[in-house]
Amino acid sequence: MKSNVRCWTLPAAAPLIATLWLSGCATVSSDAWQPCPPVVEYSAAEQTRAADEVETLPESAAVVTMLSDYAVLRDQARTCR
């Protein structure tokens, strides 16, 4: 006599299909989530003051490296919009 146990097992894709189907019932709109962080705008006077302060620092200062990394992040955030 043959076993029919295999006939009663769910296919491997069943949990994935159920998850995708149930995600259609989500209560939060995907429009509420913004993938791009906001970019803070600085006045020309603030930028000039910051540039003057950075120029007084030694080039090996950790803050100089951090500010250059921050500039890259700001450019990426602007591009993301």
Protein backbone atom coordinates (compact mmCIF):
# COMPACT_ATOMS: atom_id res chain seq x y z
CA MET A 1 0.00 0.00 0.00
CA LYS A 2 1.34 3.40 -0.99
CA SER A 3 1.63 6.24 1.50
CA ASN A 4 -0.21 9.45 0.70
CA VAL A 5 1.57 11.57 3.35
CA ARG A 6 3.33 13.61 0.67
CA CYS A 7 -0.02 14.72 -0.74
CA TRP A 8 -0.78 16.52 2.52
CA THR A 9 2.45 18.53 2.87
CA LEU A 10 2.49 22.19 1.86
CA PRO A 11 4.84 23.24 -0.92
CA ALA A 12 7.97 25.11 0.21
CA ALA A 13 6.69 28.35 -1.34
CA ALA A 14 3.46 28.35 0.69
CA PRO A 15 4.83 30.40 3.65
CA LEU A 16 6.28 32.97 1.25
CA ILE A 17 3.00 33.26 -0.65
CA ALA A 18 1.06 33.63 2.60
CA THR A 19 3.43 36.36 3.82
CA LEU A 20 3.14 38.30 0.58
CA TRP A 21 -0.62 37.93 0.56
CA LEU A 22 -0.95 39.12 4.17
CA SER A 23 1.38 42.07 3.64
CA GLY A 24 -1.32 43.53 1.41
CA CYS A 25 -3.32 44.10 4.60
CA ALA A 26 -0.69 46.42 6.10
CA THR A 27 -2.17 49.39 7.92
CA VAL A 28 0.77 51.77 7.41
CA SER A 29 1.28 53.39 4.04
CA SER A 30 4.67 52.88 2.44
CA ASP A 31 4.56 56.57 1.46
CA ALA A 32 5.08 57.51 5.13
CA TRP A 33 8.58 56.01 5.10
CA GLN A 34 11.21 58.27 3.55
CA PRO A 35 14.42 56.53 2.52
CA CYS A 36 16.35 59.80 2.19
CA PRO A 37 17.45 61.69 5.30
CA PRO A 38 16.78 65.43 5.40
CA VAL A 39 19.67 67.75 4.55
CA VAL A 40 20.11 70.66 6.96
CA GLU A 41 20.76 73.93 5.15
CA TYR A 42 23.36 76.33 6.57
CA SER A 43 23.57 80.04 5.83
CA ALA A 44 26.56 81.47 3.98
CA ALA A 45 27.74 83.12 7.20
CA GLU A 46 27.64 79.78 9.06
CA GLN A 47 29.53 78.05 6.26
CA THR A 48 32.21 80.76 6.20
CA ARG A 49 32.63 80.62 9.98
CA ALA A 50 32.91 76.80 9.90
CA ALA A 51 35.48 76.94 7.08
CA ASP A 52 37.56 79.45 9.05
CA GLU A 53 37.44 77.25 12.15
CA VAL A 54 38.43 74.12 10.20
CA GLU A 55 41.40 75.91 8.61
CA THR A 56 42.84 76.60 12.07
CA LEU A 57 42.89 72.86 12.86
CA PRO A 58 45.89 70.68 12.03
CA GLU A 59 45.30 68.51 8.96
CA SER A 60 45.75 65.37 11.06
CA ALA A 61 42.84 66.31 13.35
CA ALA A 62 40.13 63.67 13.54
CA VAL A 63 37.43 66.30 13.06
CA VAL A 64 38.82 67.16 9.60
CA THR A 65 38.40 63.55 8.46
CA MET A 66 34.93 63.35 9.99
CA LEU A 67 33.85 66.53 8.22
CA SER A 68 34.99 65.20 4.85
CA ASP A 69 32.97 62.02 5.48
CA TYR A 70 30.00 64.19 6.46
CA ALA A 71 30.31 66.13 3.20
CA VAL A 72 30.06 62.86 1.26
CA LEU A 73 26.96 61.83 3.23
CA ARG A 74 25.32 65.20 2.53
CA ASP A 75 26.00 64.80 -1.20
CA GLN A 76 24.50 61.30 -1.12
CA ALA A 77 21.41 62.55 0.72
CA ARG A 78 20.93 65.32 -1.86
CA THR A 79 21.26 62.80 -4.70
CA CYS A 80 18.77 60.48 -3.00
CA ARG A 81 16.03 63.08 -3.28
